[in-house]
Amino acid sequence: MNSFNNNLAVLLLISIPSIIVANPQSRIVGGEPASPGEFSFQVSLRNSGFGHICGGAIVSPSLVVTAAACTDPRSPSIDEVVAGSLKRTENVTWQQVRTVERFVVHPGYNGTTLDNDLSLLFLTEPYEFNENISSIRLPSAYIETAPKPVVLSGWGSIQYGEPMFEDLMKVTLDTYTDSVCEEWVEQYVRPEILCSGADEGGRGGCQGDAGSPLITQGNNTYIAAVLSHFPCPRPDCCGIVGPNDQSTELSFYIEWILEQSRLYGGGL
């Protein structure tokens, strides 16, 4: 994220590419269990050896959005995209498992700075939608989510080094305008970044939640962003005070997403 990531060992979670190869082991900070069907668009990206490595969101029957860090060659490969289950390891009869036919990483992605941290997963076979599996609407181009609250869902950790949670968790987060976020971090924040967290701390994502969706609530529900991968500079950095999470705000990428969907049959 250019200067946004630099020298923020206390307020923000610094990107350390060498850690990306580690299997994320963690769960959402300050969250509660999700209900069946509540996040029917949520998917678990899994490696055959590691298991769950990242989250993602279904935006059409054959297209999933996630963070580019999750598809980085330094990360474990994504062997399965599992939808319909609240469980991280337990198989359920109504889940659907797909593989990825094509990975499309944003051409501006930088694995060191996490600029343009966005990937599209075009599936080999579309999902069959039902009460447990459906898509989430994309935002309109260039709309600003902040200061609307968002809900993050995922299987990530309370803190680094803690075990993953077996059940899908959710947490409501505050979002911050670029100007407010800049005041917190005392550095420039790119418009494509959505800052989230809580003034009082205690709520946020953690390792294992990368790629998971942040959605708006109410009458205008859409996926606002996908959480970036953020290796941790200290053992207690998840859920710290202020805008401690960084996410890729999708409204700034709608034209690119639609173009790739036309090229590769994403159905948007």
C-alpha atoms as a PDB file:
ATOM      1  CA  MET A   1       0.000   0.000   0.000  1.00  0.00           C
ATOM      2  CA  ASN A   2       2.911   2.377  -0.622  1.00  0.00           C
ATOM      3  CA  SER A   3       3.578   4.560   2.446  1.00  0.00           C
ATOM      4  CA  PHE A   4       0.439   3.332   4.220  1.00  0.00           C
ATOM      5  CA  ASN A   5       2.235   0.135   5.236  1.00  0.00           C
ATOM      6  CA  ASN A   6       5.548   1.682   6.277  1.00  0.00           C
ATOM      7  CA  ASN A   7       6.639   2.147   9.868  1.00  0.00           C
ATOM      8  CA  LEU A   8       3.268   1.238  11.387  1.00  0.00           C
ATOM      9  CA  ALA A   9       4.280  -1.580  13.719  1.00  0.00           C
ATOM     10  CA  VAL A  10       1.899  -0.333  16.405  1.00  0.00           C
ATOM     11  CA  LEU A  11      -1.190   0.885  14.551  1.00  0.00           C
ATOM     12  CA  LEU A  12      -1.287  -1.297  11.474  1.00  0.00           C
ATOM     13  CA  LEU A  13      -0.421  -4.822  10.420  1.00  0.00           C
ATOM     14  CA  ILE A  14       2.698  -4.631   8.291  1.00  0.00           C
ATOM     15  CA  SER A  15       3.097  -6.680   5.143  1.00  0.00           C
ATOM     16  CA  ILE A  16       5.993  -9.141   5.464  1.00  0.00           C
ATOM     17  CA  PRO A  17       6.065 -11.231   2.267  1.00  0.00           C
ATOM     18  CA  SER A  18       8.234 -13.973   3.743  1.00  0.00           C
ATOM     19  CA  ILE A  19       5.411 -14.823   6.151  1.00  0.00           C
ATOM     20  CA  ILE A  20       2.913 -15.346   3.346  1.00  0.00           C
ATOM     21  CA  VAL A  21       4.148 -18.907   2.919  1.00  0.00           C
ATOM     22  CA  ALA A  22       2.956 -19.780   6.402  1.00  0.00           C
ATOM     23  CA  ASN A  23      -0.462 -21.330   6.778  1.00  0.00           C
ATOM     24  CA  PRO A  24      -2.850 -18.775   8.354  1.00  0.00           C
ATOM     25  CA  GLN A  25      -3.934 -20.042  11.775  1.00  0.00           C
ATOM     26  CA  SER A  26      -6.484 -17.783  13.431  1.00  0.00           C
ATOM     27  CA  ARG A  27     -10.056 -16.459  13.946  1.00  0.00           C
ATOM     28  CA  ILE A  28     -12.013 -13.207  13.816  1.00  0.00           C
ATOM     29  CA  VAL A  29     -11.453 -10.878  16.770  1.00  0.00           C
ATOM     30  CA  GLY A  30     -14.522  -9.980  18.857  1.00  0.00           C
ATOM     31  CA  GLY A  31     -16.920 -11.989  16.706  1.00  0.00           C
ATOM     32  CA  GLU A  32     -19.798 -14.383  17.169  1.00  0.00           C
ATOM     33  CA  PRO A  33     -20.943 -17.498  15.266  1.00  0.00           C
ATOM     34  CA  ALA A  34     -22.731 -17.008  11.962  1.00  0.00           C
ATOM     35  CA  SER A  35     -26.184 -18.516  11.386  1.00  0.00           C
ATOM     36  CA  PRO A  36     -26.977 -21.060   8.635  1.00  0.00           C
ATOM     37  CA  GLY A  37     -27.539 -19.273   5.324  1.00  0.00           C
ATOM     38  CA  GLU A  38     -26.518 -15.877   6.738  1.00  0.00           C
ATOM     39  CA  PHE A  39     -23.359 -15.715   4.625  1.00  0.00           C
ATOM     40  CA  SER A  40     -24.347 -18.006   1.773  1.00  0.00           C
ATOM     41  CA  PHE A  41     -21.807 -16.254  -0.488  1.00  0.00           C
ATOM     42  CA  GLN A  42     -18.849 -17.085   1.791  1.00  0.00           C
ATOM     43  CA  VAL A  43     -16.338 -19.652   0.548  1.00  0.00           C
ATOM     44  CA  SER A  44     -13.345 -21.359   2.105  1.00  0.00           C
ATOM     45  CA  LEU A  45     -10.241 -21.572  -0.081  1.00  0.00           C
ATOM     46  CA  ARG A  46      -8.406 -24.742   0.842  1.00  0.00           C
ATOM     47  CA  ASN A  47      -5.107 -26.444   0.199  1.00  0.00           C
ATOM     48  CA  SER A  48      -5.033 -30.249   0.218  1.00  0.00           C
ATOM     49  CA  GLY A  49      -2.282 -30.242   2.840  1.00  0.00           C
ATOM     50  CA  PHE A  50      -2.944 -27.148   4.933  1.00  0.00           C
ATOM     51  CA  GLY A  51      -6.726 -27.068   4.776  1.00  0.00           C
ATOM     52  CA  HIS A  52      -8.367 -23.620   4.961  1.00  0.00           C
ATOM     53  CA  ILE A  53      -6.001 -20.831   3.917  1.00  0.00           C
ATOM     54  CA  CYS A  54      -8.225 -17.886   2.939  1.00  0.00           C
ATOM     55  CA  GLY A  55     -11.781 -16.676   2.517  1.00  0.00           C
ATOM     56  CA  GLY A  56     -13.591 -15.448  -0.559  1.00  0.00           C
ATOM     57  CA  ALA A  57     -17.015 -14.420  -1.824  1.00  0.00           C
ATOM     58  CA  ILE A  58     -19.244 -15.703  -4.629  1.00  0.00           C
ATOM     59  CA  VAL A  59     -20.300 -12.902  -6.990  1.00  0.00           C
ATOM     60  CA  SER A  60     -21.730 -15.171  -9.706  1.00  0.00           C
ATOM     61  CA  PRO A  61     -22.222 -18.972  -9.948  1.00  0.00           C
ATOM     62  CA  SER A  62     -18.791 -19.350 -11.542  1.00  0.00           C
ATOM     63  CA  LEU A  63     -16.839 -16.404 -10.119  1.00  0.00           C
ATOM     64  CA  VAL A  64     -15.280 -15.817  -6.679  1.00  0.00           C
ATOM     65  CA  VAL A  65     -13.418 -12.723  -5.484  1.00  0.00           C
ATOM     66  CA  THR A  66     -10.579 -12.910  -2.968  1.00  0.00           C
ATOM     67  CA  ALA A  67      -7.306 -11.222  -2.068  1.00  0.00           C
ATOM     68  CA  ALA A  68      -4.402 -11.534  -4.493  1.00  0.00           C
ATOM     69  CA  ALA A  69      -2.161 -12.489  -1.560  1.00  0.00           C
ATOM     70  CA  CYS A  70      -4.196 -15.702  -1.322  1.00  0.00           C
ATOM     71  CA  THR A  71      -3.173 -16.638  -4.869  1.00  0.00           C
ATOM     72  CA  ASP A  72       0.409 -15.410  -4.521  1.00  0.00           C
ATOM     73  CA  PRO A  73       2.919 -18.094  -5.605  1.00  0.00           C
ATOM     74  CA  ARG A  74       4.458 -17.824  -2.142  1.00  0.00           C
ATOM     75  CA  SER A  75       1.170 -18.952  -0.582  1.00  0.00           C
ATOM     76  CA  PRO A  76      -0.111 -22.553  -0.520  1.00  0.00           C
ATOM     77  CA  SER A  77      -1.979 -23.473  -3.697  1.00  0.00           C
ATOM     78  CA  ILE A  78      -5.774 -23.284  -3.750  1.00  0.00           C
ATOM     79  CA  ASP A  79      -6.955 -26.810  -4.487  1.00  0.00           C
ATOM     80  CA  GLU A  80     -10.631 -26.479  -3.485  1.00  0.00           C
ATOM     81  CA  VAL A  81     -13.233 -23.730  -3.190  1.00  0.00           C
ATOM     82  CA  VAL A  82     -15.837 -24.894  -0.675  1.00  0.00           C
ATOM     83  CA  ALA A  83     -19.264 -23.219  -0.426  1.00  0.00           C
ATOM     84  CA  GLY A  84     -22.366 -23.833   1.658  1.00  0.00           C
ATOM     85  CA  SER A  85     -20.768 -24.896   4.928  1.00  0.00           C
ATOM     86  CA  LEU A  86     -20.209 -23.037   8.183  1.00  0.00           C
ATOM     87  CA  LYS A  87     -17.527 -25.591   9.098  1.00  0.00           C
ATOM     88  CA  ARG A  88     -13.814 -25.227   8.438  1.00  0.00           C
ATOM     89  CA  THR A  89     -12.871 -28.928   8.466  1.00  0.00           C
ATOM     90  CA  GLU A  90     -16.042 -30.980   8.856  1.00  0.00           C
ATOM     91  CA  ASN A  91     -17.678 -32.039   5.592  1.00  0.00           C
ATOM     92  CA  VAL A  92     -21.443 -31.566   5.375  1.00  0.00           C
ATOM     93  CA  THR A  93     -23.798 -33.108   2.823  1.00  0.00           C
ATOM     94  CA  TRP A  94     -24.999 -29.756   1.449  1.00  0.00           C
ATOM     95  CA  GLN A  95     -21.603 -28.223   0.763  1.00  0.00           C
ATOM     96  CA  GLN A  96     -20.390 -27.862  -2.815  1.00  0.00           C
ATOM     97  CA  VAL A  97     -16.727 -28.171  -3.743  1.00  0.00           C
ATOM     98  CA  ARG A  98     -15.263 -26.615  -6.882  1.00  0.00           C
ATOM     99  CA  THR A  99     -11.807 -26.210  -8.398  1.00  0.00           C
ATOM    100  CA  VAL A 100     -10.388 -23.164 -10.152  1.00  0.00           C
ATOM    101  CA  GLU A 101     -10.075 -23.120 -13.926  1.00  0.00           C
ATOM    102  CA  ARG A 102      -8.427 -19.697 -14.118  1.00  0.00           C
ATOM    103  CA  PHE A 103      -6.804 -17.337 -11.608  1.00  0.00           C
ATOM    104  CA  VAL A 104      -6.835 -13.694 -12.680  1.00  0.00           C
ATOM    105  CA  VAL A 105      -4.690 -11.448 -10.483  1.00  0.00           C
ATOM    106  CA  HIS A 106      -5.048  -7.695 -10.773  1.00  0.00           C
ATOM    107  CA  PRO A 107      -2.149  -6.510 -12.980  1.00  0.00           C
ATOM    108  CA  GLY A 108      -1.226  -3.833 -10.447  1.00  0.00           C
ATOM    109  CA  TYR A 109      -0.888  -6.234  -7.528  1.00  0.00           C
ATOM    110  CA  ASN A 110       2.285  -5.797  -5.509  1.00  0.00           C
ATOM    111  CA  GLY A 111       2.943  -8.568  -3.013  1.00  0.00           C
ATOM    112  CA  THR A 112       5.260  -6.361  -0.966  1.00  0.00           C
ATOM    113  CA  THR A 113       3.038  -3.297  -0.598  1.00  0.00           C
ATOM    114  CA  LEU A 114      -0.337  -5.065  -1.100  1.00  0.00           C
ATOM    115  CA  ASP A 115      -1.382  -2.503  -3.696  1.00  0.00           C
ATOM    116  CA  ASN A 116      -4.378  -3.801  -5.704  1.00  0.00           C
ATOM    117  CA  ASP A 117      -4.719  -6.894  -3.523  1.00  0.00           C
ATOM    118  CA  LEU A 118      -7.450  -8.549  -5.594  1.00  0.00           C
ATOM    119  CA  SER A 119      -7.848 -11.839  -7.480  1.00  0.00           C
ATOM    120  CA  LEU A 120     -10.702 -13.390  -9.435  1.00  0.00           C
ATOM    121  CA  LEU A 121     -11.265 -17.158  -9.361  1.00  0.00           C
ATOM    122  CA  PHE A 122     -13.102 -18.550 -12.390  1.00  0.00           C
ATOM    123  CA  LEU A 123     -14.429 -21.973 -11.453  1.00  0.00           C
ATOM    124  CA  THR A 124     -14.342 -25.137 -13.526  1.00  0.00           C
ATOM    125  CA  GLU A 125     -18.040 -25.697 -12.782  1.00  0.00           C
ATOM    126  CA  PRO A 126     -20.635 -23.182 -11.530  1.00  0.00           C
ATOM    127  CA  TYR A 127     -22.253 -23.509  -8.132  1.00  0.00           C
ATOM    128  CA  GLU A 128     -25.865 -24.571  -7.941  1.00  0.00           C
ATOM    129  CA  PHE A 129     -27.552 -21.895  -5.874  1.00  0.00           C
ATOM    130  CA  ASN A 130     -29.901 -22.807  -3.015  1.00  0.00           C
ATOM    131  CA  GLU A 131     -30.682 -21.637   0.519  1.00  0.00           C
ATOM    132  CA  ASN A 132     -27.103 -22.353   1.587  1.00  0.00           C
ATOM    133  CA  ILE A 133     -25.239 -21.073  -1.475  1.00  0.00           C
ATOM    134  CA  SER A 134     -25.815 -17.817  -3.360  1.00  0.00           C
ATOM    135  CA  SER A 135     -23.978 -14.729  -4.570  1.00  0.00           C
ATOM    136  CA  ILE A 136     -23.439 -11.287  -3.048  1.00  0.00           C
ATOM    137  CA  ARG A 137     -24.041  -8.148  -5.093  1.00  0.00           C
ATOM    138  CA  LEU A 138     -21.088  -6.036  -6.193  1.00  0.00           C
ATOM    139  CA  PRO A 139     -21.114  -2.300  -5.418  1.00  0.00           C
ATOM    140  CA  SER A 140     -21.637   0.420  -7.976  1.00  0.00           C
ATOM    141  CA  ALA A 141     -18.444   1.898  -9.385  1.00  0.00           C
ATOM    142  CA  TYR A 142     -16.558   4.377  -7.206  1.00  0.00           C
ATOM    143  CA  ILE A 143     -19.065   4.606  -4.357  1.00  0.00           C
ATOM    144  CA  GLU A 144     -17.574   5.222  -0.920  1.00  0.00           C
ATOM    145  CA  THR A 145     -18.492   2.745   1.806  1.00  0.00           C
ATOM    146  CA  ALA A 146     -17.114   4.692   4.775  1.00  0.00           C
ATOM    147  CA  PRO A 147     -18.427   5.630   7.262  1.00  0.00           C
ATOM    148  CA  LYS A 148     -21.047   2.862   6.944  1.00  0.00           C
ATOM    149  CA  PRO A 149     -20.428  -0.141   9.220  1.00  0.00           C
ATOM    150  CA  VAL A 150     -19.578  -3.452   7.553  1.00  0.00           C
ATOM    151  CA  VAL A 151     -19.692  -7.087   8.622  1.00  0.00           C
ATOM    152  CA  LEU A 152     -16.646  -9.297   8.203  1.00  0.00           C
ATOM    153  CA  SER A 153     -17.105 -13.086   8.100  1.00  0.00           C
ATOM    154  CA  GLY A 154     -14.400 -15.717   8.242  1.00  0.00           C
ATOM    155  CA  TRP A 155     -12.677 -18.554  10.081  1.00  0.00           C
ATOM    156  CA  GLY A 156      -9.597 -16.564  11.110  1.00  0.00           C
ATOM    157  CA  SER A 157      -7.957 -16.197  14.551  1.00  0.00           C
ATOM    158  CA  ILE A 158      -8.289 -14.096  17.674  1.00  0.00           C
ATOM    159  CA  GLN A 159      -4.512 -13.566  17.605  1.00  0.00           C
ATOM    160  CA  TYR A 160      -1.575 -14.979  15.724  1.00  0.00           C
ATOM    161  CA  GLY A 161      -0.531 -18.389  16.970  1.00  0.00           C
ATOM    162  CA  GLU A 162      -4.063 -19.229  18.137  1.00  0.00           C
ATOM    163  CA  PRO A 163      -5.899 -22.136  16.451  1.00  0.00           C
ATOM    164  CA  MET A 164      -8.486 -21.509  13.781  1.00  0.00           C
ATOM    165  CA  PHE A 165     -12.123 -21.541  14.759  1.00  0.00           C
ATOM    166  CA  GLU A 166     -14.143 -24.460  13.385  1.00  0.00           C
ATOM    167  CA  ASP A 167     -17.356 -22.466  12.822  1.00  0.00           C
ATOM    168  CA  LEU A 168     -17.760 -19.423  10.605  1.00  0.00           C
ATOM    169  CA  MET A 169     -17.617 -16.225  12.650  1.00  0.00           C
ATOM    170  CA  LYS A 170     -18.859 -12.681  12.007  1.00  0.00           C
ATOM    171  CA  VAL A 171     -18.079  -9.259  13.441  1.00  0.00           C
ATOM    172  CA  THR A 172     -19.423  -5.767  12.780  1.00  0.00           C
ATOM    173  CA  LEU A 173     -16.696  -3.219  12.084  1.00  0.00           C
ATOM    174  CA  ASP A 174     -16.582   0.547  11.836  1.00  0.00           C
ATOM    175  CA  THR A 175     -15.173   1.982   8.622  1.00  0.00           C
ATOM    176  CA  TYR A 176     -13.086   5.124   8.305  1.00  0.00           C
ATOM    177  CA  THR A 177     -12.886   7.724   5.565  1.00  0.00           C
ATOM    178  CA  ASP A 178      -9.476   8.182   3.996  1.00  0.00           C
ATOM    179  CA  SER A 179      -8.975  11.484   5.825  1.00  0.00           C
ATOM    180  CA  VAL A 180      -9.850   9.990   9.225  1.00  0.00           C
ATOM    181  CA  CYS A 181      -7.698   6.935   8.568  1.00  0.00           C
ATOM    182  CA  GLU A 182      -4.802   9.184   7.594  1.00  0.00           C
ATOM    183  CA  GLU A 183      -5.137  11.024  10.914  1.00  0.00           C
ATOM    184  CA  TRP A 184      -4.858   7.693  12.760  1.00  0.00           C
ATOM    185  CA  VAL A 185      -1.859   6.396  10.844  1.00  0.00           C
ATOM    186  CA  GLU A 186      -0.269   9.755  10.052  1.00  0.00           C
ATOM    187  CA  GLN A 187       0.397   8.714   6.471  1.00  0.00           C
ATOM    188  CA  TYR A 188      -1.275   8.863   3.072  1.00  0.00           C
ATOM    189  CA  VAL A 189      -4.009   6.289   2.464  1.00  0.00           C
ATOM    190  CA  ARG A 190      -4.787   5.303  -1.116  1.00  0.00           C
ATOM    191  CA  PRO A 191      -8.458   5.709  -2.141  1.00  0.00           C
ATOM    192  CA  GLU A 192      -8.700   2.011  -3.076  1.00  0.00           C
ATOM    193  CA  ILE A 193      -8.113   1.004   0.542  1.00  0.00           C
ATOM    194  CA  LEU A 194     -10.982   0.617   3.011  1.00  0.00           C
ATOM    195  CA  CYS A 195      -9.889   1.061   6.634  1.00  0.00           C
ATOM    196  CA  SER A 196     -11.932  -0.767   9.266  1.00  0.00           C
ATOM    197  CA  GLY A 197     -11.787  -1.659  12.940  1.00  0.00           C
ATOM    198  CA  ALA A 198     -13.081  -0.031  16.125  1.00  0.00           C
ATOM    199  CA  ASP A 199     -12.111   3.109  18.005  1.00  0.00           C
ATOM    200  CA  GLU A 200     -12.027   1.107  21.227  1.00  0.00           C
ATOM    201  CA  GLY A 201     -10.304  -1.897  19.653  1.00  0.00           C
ATOM    202  CA  GLY A 202     -11.244  -5.528  20.198  1.00  0.00           C
ATOM    203  CA  ARG A 203     -12.853  -6.097  16.802  1.00  0.00           C
ATOM    204  CA  GLY A 204     -11.288  -7.036  13.473  1.00  0.00           C
ATOM    205  CA  GLY A 205      -9.824  -9.667  11.226  1.00  0.00           C
ATOM    206  CA  CYS A 206      -6.717 -11.721  11.779  1.00  0.00           C
ATOM    207  CA  GLN A 207      -4.573 -14.261   9.975  1.00  0.00           C
ATOM    208  CA  GLY A 208      -6.783 -16.745   8.145  1.00  0.00           C
ATOM    209  CA  ASP A 209      -9.342 -14.054   7.272  1.00  0.00           C
ATOM    210  CA  ALA A 210      -7.472 -12.777   4.204  1.00  0.00           C
ATOM    211  CA  GLY A 211      -9.723 -12.624   1.152  1.00  0.00           C
ATOM    212  CA  SER A 212     -12.892 -12.733   3.262  1.00  0.00           C
ATOM    213  CA  PRO A 213     -15.731 -10.337   2.421  1.00  0.00           C
ATOM    214  CA  LEU A 214     -16.773  -7.180   4.225  1.00  0.00           C
ATOM    215  CA  ILE A 215     -20.424  -6.483   3.439  1.00  0.00           C
ATOM    216  CA  THR A 216     -22.760  -3.574   4.091  1.00  0.00           C
ATOM    217  CA  GLN A 217     -26.033  -3.997   5.941  1.00  0.00           C
ATOM    218  CA  GLY A 218     -29.591  -2.774   5.501  1.00  0.00           C
ATOM    219  CA  ASN A 219     -31.478  -2.021   2.288  1.00  0.00           C
ATOM    220  CA  ASN A 220     -28.341  -1.570   0.179  1.00  0.00           C
ATOM    221  CA  THR A 221     -26.354  -4.737   0.876  1.00  0.00           C
ATOM    222  CA  TYR A 222     -23.269  -5.422  -1.216  1.00  0.00           C
ATOM    223  CA  ILE A 223     -19.715  -6.653  -0.830  1.00  0.00           C
ATOM    224  CA  ALA A 224     -17.716  -3.548  -0.037  1.00  0.00           C
ATOM    225  CA  ALA A 225     -14.237  -5.054   0.126  1.00  0.00           C
ATOM    226  CA  VAL A 226     -12.069  -8.133   0.583  1.00  0.00           C
ATOM    227  CA  LEU A 227      -9.682  -8.245   3.510  1.00  0.00           C
ATOM    228  CA  SER A 228      -5.995  -8.016   2.697  1.00  0.00           C
ATOM    229  CA  HIS A 229      -3.398 -10.439   4.007  1.00  0.00           C
ATOM    230  CA  PHE A 230      -1.563  -8.727   6.865  1.00  0.00           C
ATOM    231  CA  PRO A 231       1.304 -10.600   8.532  1.00  0.00           C
ATOM    232  CA  CYS A 232       1.721  -9.442  12.100  1.00  0.00           C
ATOM    233  CA  PRO A 233       4.731  -7.632  13.588  1.00  0.00           C
ATOM    234  CA  ARG A 234       3.860  -8.663  17.154  1.00  0.00           C
ATOM    235  CA  PRO A 235       1.817 -11.393  18.898  1.00  0.00           C
ATOM    236  CA  ASP A 236      -1.128  -9.185  19.942  1.00  0.00           C
ATOM    237  CA  CYS A 237      -1.685  -6.960  16.909  1.00  0.00           C
ATOM    238  CA  CYS A 238      -5.120  -8.234  15.807  1.00  0.00           C
ATOM    239  CA  GLY A 239      -8.046  -6.119  16.942  1.00  0.00           C
ATOM    240  CA  ILE A 240      -5.935  -3.204  18.157  1.00  0.00           C
ATOM    241  CA  VAL A 241      -7.413   0.263  18.581  1.00  0.00           C
ATOM    242  CA  GLY A 242      -8.508   2.151  15.475  1.00  0.00           C
ATOM    243  CA  PRO A 243      -8.425   1.281  11.764  1.00  0.00           C
ATOM    244  CA  ASN A 244      -6.237  -1.782  12.164  1.00  0.00           C
ATOM    245  CA  ASP A 245      -7.575  -3.680   9.118  1.00  0.00           C
ATOM    246  CA  GLN A 246      -6.857  -2.843   5.510  1.00  0.00           C
ATOM    247  CA  SER A 247      -9.091  -4.084   2.692  1.00  0.00           C
ATOM    248  CA  THR A 248      -9.376  -3.734  -1.064  1.00  0.00           C
ATOM    249  CA  GLU A 249     -12.466  -1.624  -1.790  1.00  0.00           C
ATOM    250  CA  LEU A 250     -14.189  -3.234  -4.766  1.00  0.00           C
ATOM    251  CA  SER A 251     -16.047  -0.180  -6.080  1.00  0.00           C
ATOM    252  CA  PHE A 252     -12.738   1.053  -7.481  1.00  0.00           C
ATOM    253  CA  TYR A 253     -12.287  -2.184  -9.449  1.00  0.00           C
ATOM    254  CA  ILE A 254     -15.749  -2.750 -10.941  1.00  0.00           C
ATOM    255  CA  GLU A 255     -14.735  -1.914 -14.505  1.00  0.00           C
ATOM    256  CA  TRP A 256     -11.808  -4.332 -14.316  1.00  0.00           C
ATOM    257  CA  ILE A 257     -13.945  -7.084 -12.746  1.00  0.00           C
ATOM    258  CA  LEU A 258     -16.628  -6.749 -15.446  1.00  0.00           C
ATOM    259  CA  GLU A 259     -14.007  -6.762 -18.202  1.00  0.00           C
ATOM    260  CA  GLN A 260     -12.449  -9.977 -16.896  1.00  0.00           C
ATOM    261  CA  SER A 261     -15.879 -11.541 -16.523  1.00  0.00           C
ATOM    262  CA  ARG A 262     -16.641 -10.824 -20.184  1.00  0.00           C
ATOM    263  CA  LEU A 263     -13.307 -12.291 -21.223  1.00  0.00           C
ATOM    264  CA  TYR A 264     -13.501 -15.485 -19.176  1.00  0.00           C
ATOM    265  CA  GLY A 265     -17.190 -16.200 -18.769  1.00  0.00           C
ATOM    266  CA  GLY A 266     -17.802 -15.029 -15.217  1.00  0.00           C
ATOM    267  CA  GLY A 267     -21.473 -14.409 -15.831  1.00  0.00           C
ATOM    268  CA  LEU A 268     -21.626 -10.792 -14.613  1.00  0.00           C
END
